Amino acid sequence: MNSLKSALCISFILCLTLLYACKKNKEDIPTLYGSWVQDLPYSTDPLSKPSLGFLIGRDSIQFYVRFVTNEITYVKGTYRTDGNKFITNFKVVELRDANGQFVSIRPADGTYFKDATYLVTKNKFTLTYDGNPPGVPGLTTMSFLRQLPD
């Protein structure tokens, strides 16, 4: 009987330990996860500018450009952060037509978001990076708004 009580006690403690170890809180969910669309001034003409955005997962990232023709270019790869540094490693560029059908894929070339830093405040993601040609000083800043599910 004592061995049964001991086994039950150990099982109960083990269950509590596992339950506590698996518990998630808001601080465990990275603030970058999700879908982000560029924060542009409102325009009455929806075809006036392409739209830009990010789809960010645990370690994967897709940067996309939706053109006025509704064609979409996805630049896909991985990312990591180091403090406020935002380091990307894009591997492929995929083009899809206005109907979402695959058109082409090619290896990503060049550097995207060189020397980037980021800041997330509430539902706004601000990315600052060196987007200029070599030898031209200055930084580029873009802001994105989190797309919340309906």
Protein backbone atom coordinates (compact mmCIF):
# COMPACT_ATOMS: atom_id res chain seq x y z
CA MET A 1 0.00 0.00 0.00
CA ASN A 2 2.86 2.36 0.83
CA SER A 3 4.46 1.70 -2.54
CA LEU A 4 1.16 2.58 -4.26
CA LYS A 5 0.96 5.86 -2.30
CA SER A 6 4.58 6.62 -3.18
CA ALA A 7 3.98 5.89 -6.86
CA LEU A 8 0.87 8.08 -6.90
CA CYS A 9 2.71 10.90 -5.15
CA ILE A 10 5.62 10.72 -7.58
CA SER A 11 3.20 10.62 -10.53
CA PHE A 12 1.35 13.67 -9.20
CA ILE A 13 4.59 15.64 -8.74
CA LEU A 14 5.75 14.62 -12.22
CA CYS A 15 2.44 15.75 -13.75
CA LEU A 16 2.66 19.13 -11.98
CA THR A 17 6.25 19.57 -13.16
CA LEU A 18 5.33 18.77 -16.77
CA LEU A 19 2.28 21.01 -16.63
CA TYR A 20 4.36 23.92 -15.34
CA ALA A 21 7.13 23.31 -17.90
CA CYS A 22 4.65 23.35 -20.79
CA LYS A 23 2.76 26.44 -19.62
CA LYS A 24 3.05 29.37 -22.05
CA ASN A 25 2.69 33.02 -21.23
CA LYS A 26 2.73 36.17 -23.34
CA GLU A 27 6.47 36.61 -22.88
CA ASP A 28 7.11 33.21 -24.49
CA ILE A 29 5.50 34.28 -27.77
CA PRO A 30 7.90 36.39 -29.82
CA THR A 31 6.50 39.76 -30.79
CA LEU A 32 7.63 39.39 -34.42
CA TYR A 33 5.45 36.37 -35.22
CA GLY A 34 2.57 37.07 -37.57
CA SER A 35 1.54 38.89 -40.69
CA TRP A 36 2.62 42.49 -41.24
CA VAL A 37 1.61 44.93 -43.99
CA GLN A 38 3.34 48.22 -44.79
CA ASP A 39 1.91 51.24 -43.00
CA LEU A 40 1.23 53.61 -45.90
CA PRO A 41 -0.81 56.80 -45.95
CA TYR A 42 -4.38 56.16 -47.07
CA SER A 43 -4.95 56.48 -50.81
CA THR A 44 -8.31 56.60 -52.54
CA ASP A 45 -6.76 54.71 -55.45
CA PRO A 46 -5.94 51.13 -54.32
CA LEU A 47 -3.86 50.61 -57.48
CA SER A 48 -1.61 53.59 -56.82
CA LYS A 49 1.17 51.69 -55.03
CA PRO A 50 2.38 48.14 -54.54
CA SER A 51 1.85 46.68 -51.08
CA LEU A 52 4.69 45.25 -49.03
CA GLY A 53 4.59 42.89 -46.11
CA PHE A 54 6.16 40.19 -44.02
CA LEU A 55 4.96 36.78 -42.89
CA ILE A 56 7.14 35.87 -39.92
CA GLY A 57 7.23 32.51 -38.15
CA ARG A 58 9.46 30.88 -35.55
CA ASP A 59 12.53 30.97 -37.81
CA SER A 60 11.09 31.49 -41.28
CA ILE A 61 10.34 34.73 -43.05
CA GLN A 62 8.64 35.77 -46.27
CA PHE A 63 8.92 39.30 -47.54
CA TYR A 64 6.37 40.01 -50.27
CA VAL A 65 5.55 42.69 -52.79
CA ARG A 66 2.06 42.73 -54.29
CA PHE A 67 2.17 44.75 -57.49
CA VAL A 68 -0.67 46.85 -58.87
CA THR A 69 -1.27 44.02 -61.35
CA ASN A 70 -1.88 41.71 -58.34
CA GLU A 71 1.21 39.66 -59.15
CA ILE A 72 3.09 38.78 -55.97
CA THR A 73 6.81 38.28 -55.45
CA TYR A 74 7.77 36.35 -52.31
CA VAL A 75 11.34 36.43 -51.02
CA LYS A 76 11.67 33.47 -48.64
CA GLY A 77 14.28 32.49 -46.12
CA THR A 78 15.18 32.55 -42.47
CA TYR A 79 15.86 35.26 -39.92
CA ARG A 80 17.22 35.75 -36.46
CA THR A 81 17.42 38.59 -34.02
CA ASP A 82 20.25 39.71 -31.80
CA GLY A 83 19.03 42.42 -29.45
CA ASN A 84 17.41 44.89 -31.82
CA LYS A 85 19.33 43.59 -34.86
CA PHE A 86 17.21 41.93 -37.56
CA ILE A 87 19.33 39.51 -39.59
CA THR A 88 17.83 37.89 -42.67
CA ASN A 89 19.06 35.10 -44.93
CA PHE A 90 16.80 34.99 -47.98
CA LYS A 91 17.19 31.90 -50.15
CA VAL A 92 14.59 31.98 -52.94
CA VAL A 93 12.46 34.45 -54.88
CA GLU A 94 9.08 33.12 -56.00
CA LEU A 95 6.74 34.84 -58.44
CA ARG A 96 2.99 34.16 -58.55
CA ASP A 97 0.46 35.59 -60.99
CA ALA A 98 -2.71 37.55 -60.15
CA ASN A 99 -4.58 34.24 -59.58
CA GLY A 100 -1.97 33.00 -57.13
CA GLN A 101 -0.60 30.46 -59.62
CA PHE A 102 3.12 29.69 -59.51
CA VAL A 103 5.09 31.40 -62.29
CA SER A 104 8.78 31.01 -61.42
CA ILE A 105 11.35 30.52 -58.71
CA ARG A 106 15.01 31.49 -58.56
CA PRO A 107 17.74 31.74 -55.94
CA ALA A 108 17.76 35.00 -53.98
CA ASP A 109 20.76 37.15 -54.76
CA GLY A 110 22.07 40.24 -53.08
CA THR A 111 21.57 41.50 -49.57
CA TYR A 112 18.14 42.39 -48.26
CA PHE A 113 17.80 44.72 -45.28
CA LYS A 114 21.52 45.26 -44.72
CA ASP A 115 22.48 46.24 -41.14
CA ALA A 116 18.81 46.18 -40.15
CA THR A 117 17.43 47.02 -36.73
CA TYR A 118 13.83 46.68 -35.61
CA LEU A 119 11.40 47.90 -33.01
CA VAL A 120 7.96 46.51 -32.18
CA THR A 121 5.57 48.75 -30.28
CA LYS A 122 2.06 47.44 -29.79
CA ASN A 123 1.02 46.37 -33.32
CA LYS A 124 3.64 48.34 -35.25
CA PHE A 125 6.91 46.86 -36.57
CA THR A 126 9.52 49.45 -37.62
CA LEU A 127 12.48 48.29 -39.70
CA THR A 128 15.52 50.52 -40.28
CA TYR A 129 18.24 49.37 -42.66
CA ASP A 130 20.90 50.47 -45.15
CA GLY A 131 18.94 50.38 -48.40
CA ASN A 132 21.24 52.61 -50.40
CA PRO A 133 23.76 51.67 -53.09
CA PRO A 134 27.34 51.17 -51.85
CA GLY A 135 29.01 54.46 -50.94
CA VAL A 136 25.73 56.35 -50.50
CA PRO A 137 25.14 57.19 -46.82
CA GLY A 138 21.78 57.08 -45.12
CA LEU A 139 19.22 54.68 -43.74
CA THR A 140 15.79 53.60 -44.93
CA THR A 141 12.92 53.17 -42.47
CA MET A 142 9.69 51.29 -43.15
CA SER A 143 6.79 50.66 -40.80
CA PHE A 144 4.42 47.71 -40.87
CA LEU A 145 1.13 47.10 -39.05
CA ARG A 146 0.24 43.70 -37.61
CA GLN A 147 -2.66 42.05 -39.39
CA LEU A 148 -4.93 40.67 -36.75
CA PRO A 149 -7.27 37.77 -37.53
CA ASP A 150 -10.96 38.63 -37.87
